[in-house]
Amino acid sequence: MRIVGAHPRRASQAIALKIAEGNGKATSGDRRRSFESARGSALECAAIEDVLAGVRCVVRR
């Protein structure tokens, strides 16, 4: 399955990177956009986990 490759790792790393980027922005609008992007990456990670759980590649506890 292709999704099990590097995509989950990249999406999870993007969360921390986008939060760090947002904290370095000068304006509140720029910070907000970075944090919204980090939220999108977090939701993407959750969706990947849902898909993998659906095909029994991940066991939820």
N, C-alpha and C. Protein backbone atom coordinates (compact mmCIF):
# COMPACT_ATOMS: atom_id res chain seq x y z
N MET A 1 0.85 -1.17 0.00
CA MET A 1 0.00 0.00 0.00
C MET A 1 0.90 1.24 0.00
N ARG A 2 0.63 2.16 -0.87
CA ARG A 2 1.49 3.32 -1.08
C ARG A 2 1.49 4.31 0.09
N ILE A 3 0.36 4.49 0.76
CA ILE A 3 0.24 5.50 1.82
C ILE A 3 1.15 5.19 3.01
N VAL A 4 1.53 3.95 3.18
CA VAL A 4 2.32 3.55 4.35
C VAL A 4 3.77 3.99 4.22
N GLY A 5 4.15 4.56 3.11
CA GLY A 5 5.52 5.02 2.91
C GLY A 5 5.88 6.20 3.78
N ALA A 6 6.48 7.19 3.19
CA ALA A 6 7.00 8.34 3.93
C ALA A 6 5.94 9.39 4.24
N HIS A 7 4.77 9.28 3.64
CA HIS A 7 3.76 10.32 3.80
C HIS A 7 3.36 10.58 5.26
N PRO A 8 3.05 9.55 6.05
CA PRO A 8 2.69 9.82 7.45
C PRO A 8 3.81 10.52 8.22
N ARG A 9 5.05 10.14 7.95
CA ARG A 9 6.18 10.78 8.64
C ARG A 9 6.29 12.25 8.24
N ARG A 10 6.16 12.54 6.96
CA ARG A 10 6.25 13.93 6.50
C ARG A 10 5.11 14.77 7.09
N ALA A 11 3.91 14.21 7.11
CA ALA A 11 2.76 14.96 7.64
C ALA A 11 2.94 15.25 9.13
N SER A 12 3.45 14.28 9.88
CA SER A 12 3.63 14.51 11.32
C SER A 12 4.76 15.49 11.60
N GLN A 13 5.82 15.45 10.81
CA GLN A 13 6.90 16.41 10.99
C GLN A 13 6.44 17.82 10.63
N ALA A 14 5.56 17.92 9.66
CA ALA A 14 5.07 19.23 9.22
C ALA A 14 4.35 19.97 10.35
N ILE A 15 3.71 19.24 11.25
CA ILE A 15 2.99 19.88 12.35
C ILE A 15 3.94 20.73 13.18
N ALA A 16 5.02 20.11 13.66
CA ALA A 16 5.98 20.84 14.50
C ALA A 16 6.65 21.96 13.73
N LEU A 17 6.99 21.72 12.47
CA LEU A 17 7.67 22.74 11.67
C LEU A 17 6.77 23.95 11.43
N LYS A 18 5.49 23.71 11.18
CA LYS A 18 4.57 24.82 10.93
C LYS A 18 4.27 25.61 12.20
N ILE A 19 4.23 24.94 13.34
CA ILE A 19 4.05 25.64 14.61
C ILE A 19 5.27 26.52 14.89
N ALA A 20 6.45 25.97 14.68
CA ALA A 20 7.68 26.76 14.88
C ALA A 20 7.72 27.95 13.93
N GLU A 21 7.34 27.72 12.69
CA GLU A 21 7.31 28.81 11.71
C GLU A 21 6.32 29.89 12.15
N GLY A 22 5.15 29.48 12.61
CA GLY A 22 4.15 30.43 13.06
C GLY A 22 4.62 31.27 14.22
N ASN A 23 5.35 30.66 15.14
CA ASN A 23 5.86 31.41 16.29
C ASN A 23 6.91 32.44 15.90
N GLY A 24 7.49 32.28 14.72
CA GLY A 24 8.49 33.24 14.25
C GLY A 24 7.92 34.35 13.39
N LYS A 25 6.62 34.30 13.12
CA LYS A 25 6.00 35.32 12.26
C LYS A 25 5.76 36.61 13.02
N ALA A 26 5.85 37.72 12.29
CA ALA A 26 5.73 39.04 12.92
C ALA A 26 4.28 39.46 13.13
N THR A 27 3.39 39.07 12.23
CA THR A 27 2.01 39.54 12.33
C THR A 27 1.09 38.40 12.78
N SER A 28 0.00 38.77 13.41
CA SER A 28 -0.94 37.76 13.89
C SER A 28 -1.59 37.01 12.73
N GLY A 29 -1.80 37.68 11.62
CA GLY A 29 -2.38 37.01 10.46
C GLY A 29 -1.46 35.93 9.90
N ASP A 30 -0.17 36.24 9.83
CA ASP A 30 0.79 35.24 9.36
C ASP A 30 0.89 34.08 10.34
N ARG A 31 0.88 34.38 11.64
CA ARG A 31 0.91 33.32 12.66
C ARG A 31 -0.32 32.43 12.51
N ARG A 32 -1.48 33.06 12.37
CA ARG A 32 -2.73 32.30 12.25
C ARG A 32 -2.67 31.35 11.05
N ARG A 33 -2.18 31.83 9.92
CA ARG A 33 -2.10 30.98 8.72
C ARG A 33 -1.18 29.78 8.95
N SER A 34 -0.06 30.01 9.61
CA SER A 34 0.85 28.90 9.90
C SER A 34 0.21 27.88 10.84
N PHE A 35 -0.49 28.38 11.86
CA PHE A 35 -1.14 27.48 12.81
C PHE A 35 -2.29 26.73 12.16
N GLU A 36 -3.02 27.39 11.26
CA GLU A 36 -4.09 26.70 10.53
C GLU A 36 -3.51 25.59 9.64
N SER A 37 -2.37 25.86 9.06
CA SER A 37 -1.70 24.85 8.23
C SER A 37 -1.24 23.67 9.09
N ALA A 38 -0.74 23.96 10.30
CA ALA A 38 -0.34 22.89 11.22
C ALA A 38 -1.56 22.05 11.62
N ARG A 39 -2.68 22.71 11.84
CA ARG A 39 -3.92 21.99 12.17
C ARG A 39 -4.32 21.08 11.02
N GLY A 40 -4.19 21.58 9.80
CA GLY A 40 -4.50 20.76 8.63
C GLY A 40 -3.62 19.52 8.56
N SER A 41 -2.35 19.69 8.88
CA SER A 41 -1.44 18.54 8.89
C SER A 41 -1.82 17.54 9.98
N ALA A 42 -2.26 18.05 11.13
CA ALA A 42 -2.70 17.16 12.21
C ALA A 42 -3.94 16.37 11.80
N LEU A 43 -4.86 17.03 11.13
CA LEU A 43 -6.06 16.33 10.65
C LEU A 43 -5.70 15.31 9.58
N GLU A 44 -4.71 15.63 8.77
CA GLU A 44 -4.23 14.69 7.76
C GLU A 44 -3.65 13.45 8.43
N CYS A 45 -2.89 13.63 9.50
CA CYS A 45 -2.34 12.48 10.24
C CYS A 45 -3.46 11.62 10.82
N ALA A 46 -4.49 12.26 11.34
CA ALA A 46 -5.62 11.51 11.89
C ALA A 46 -6.33 10.72 10.79
N ALA A 47 -6.48 11.32 9.62
CA ALA A 47 -7.12 10.62 8.50
C ALA A 47 -6.28 9.43 8.05
N ILE A 48 -4.97 9.60 8.01
CA ILE A 48 -4.08 8.48 7.64
C ILE A 48 -4.25 7.34 8.63
N GLU A 49 -4.31 7.67 9.92
CA GLU A 49 -4.49 6.63 10.93
C GLU A 49 -5.84 5.93 10.75
N ASP A 50 -6.89 6.69 10.45
CA ASP A 50 -8.20 6.09 10.22
C ASP A 50 -8.17 5.11 9.04
N VAL A 51 -7.51 5.52 7.96
CA VAL A 51 -7.42 4.65 6.79
C VAL A 51 -6.65 3.38 7.13
N LEU A 52 -5.52 3.54 7.80
CA LEU A 52 -4.71 2.37 8.14
C LEU A 52 -5.44 1.45 9.12
N ALA A 53 -6.20 2.02 10.05
CA ALA A 53 -6.99 1.20 10.97
C ALA A 53 -8.08 0.46 10.20
N GLY A 54 -8.63 1.12 9.19
CA GLY A 54 -9.68 0.50 8.39
C GLY A 54 -9.20 -0.71 7.60
N VAL A 55 -7.94 -0.69 7.21
CA VAL A 55 -7.39 -1.84 6.48
C VAL A 55 -6.53 -2.70 7.40
N ARG A 56 -6.67 -2.46 8.69
CA ARG A 56 -6.03 -3.25 9.74
C ARG A 56 -4.50 -3.23 9.69
N CYS A 57 -3.96 -2.07 9.30
CA CYS A 57 -2.50 -1.90 9.35
C CYS A 57 -2.08 -1.28 10.67
N VAL A 58 -3.04 -0.72 11.41
CA VAL A 58 -2.77 -0.08 12.69
C VAL A 58 -3.75 -0.64 13.70
N VAL A 59 -3.26 -0.99 14.86
CA VAL A 59 -4.13 -1.46 15.93
C VAL A 59 -4.31 -0.32 16.91
N ARG A 60 -5.56 0.08 17.13
CA ARG A 60 -5.85 1.16 18.08
C ARG A 60 -6.05 0.57 19.46
N ARG A 61 -5.61 1.32 20.45
CA ARG A 61 -5.76 0.86 21.84
C ARG A 61 -6.75 1.72 22.56
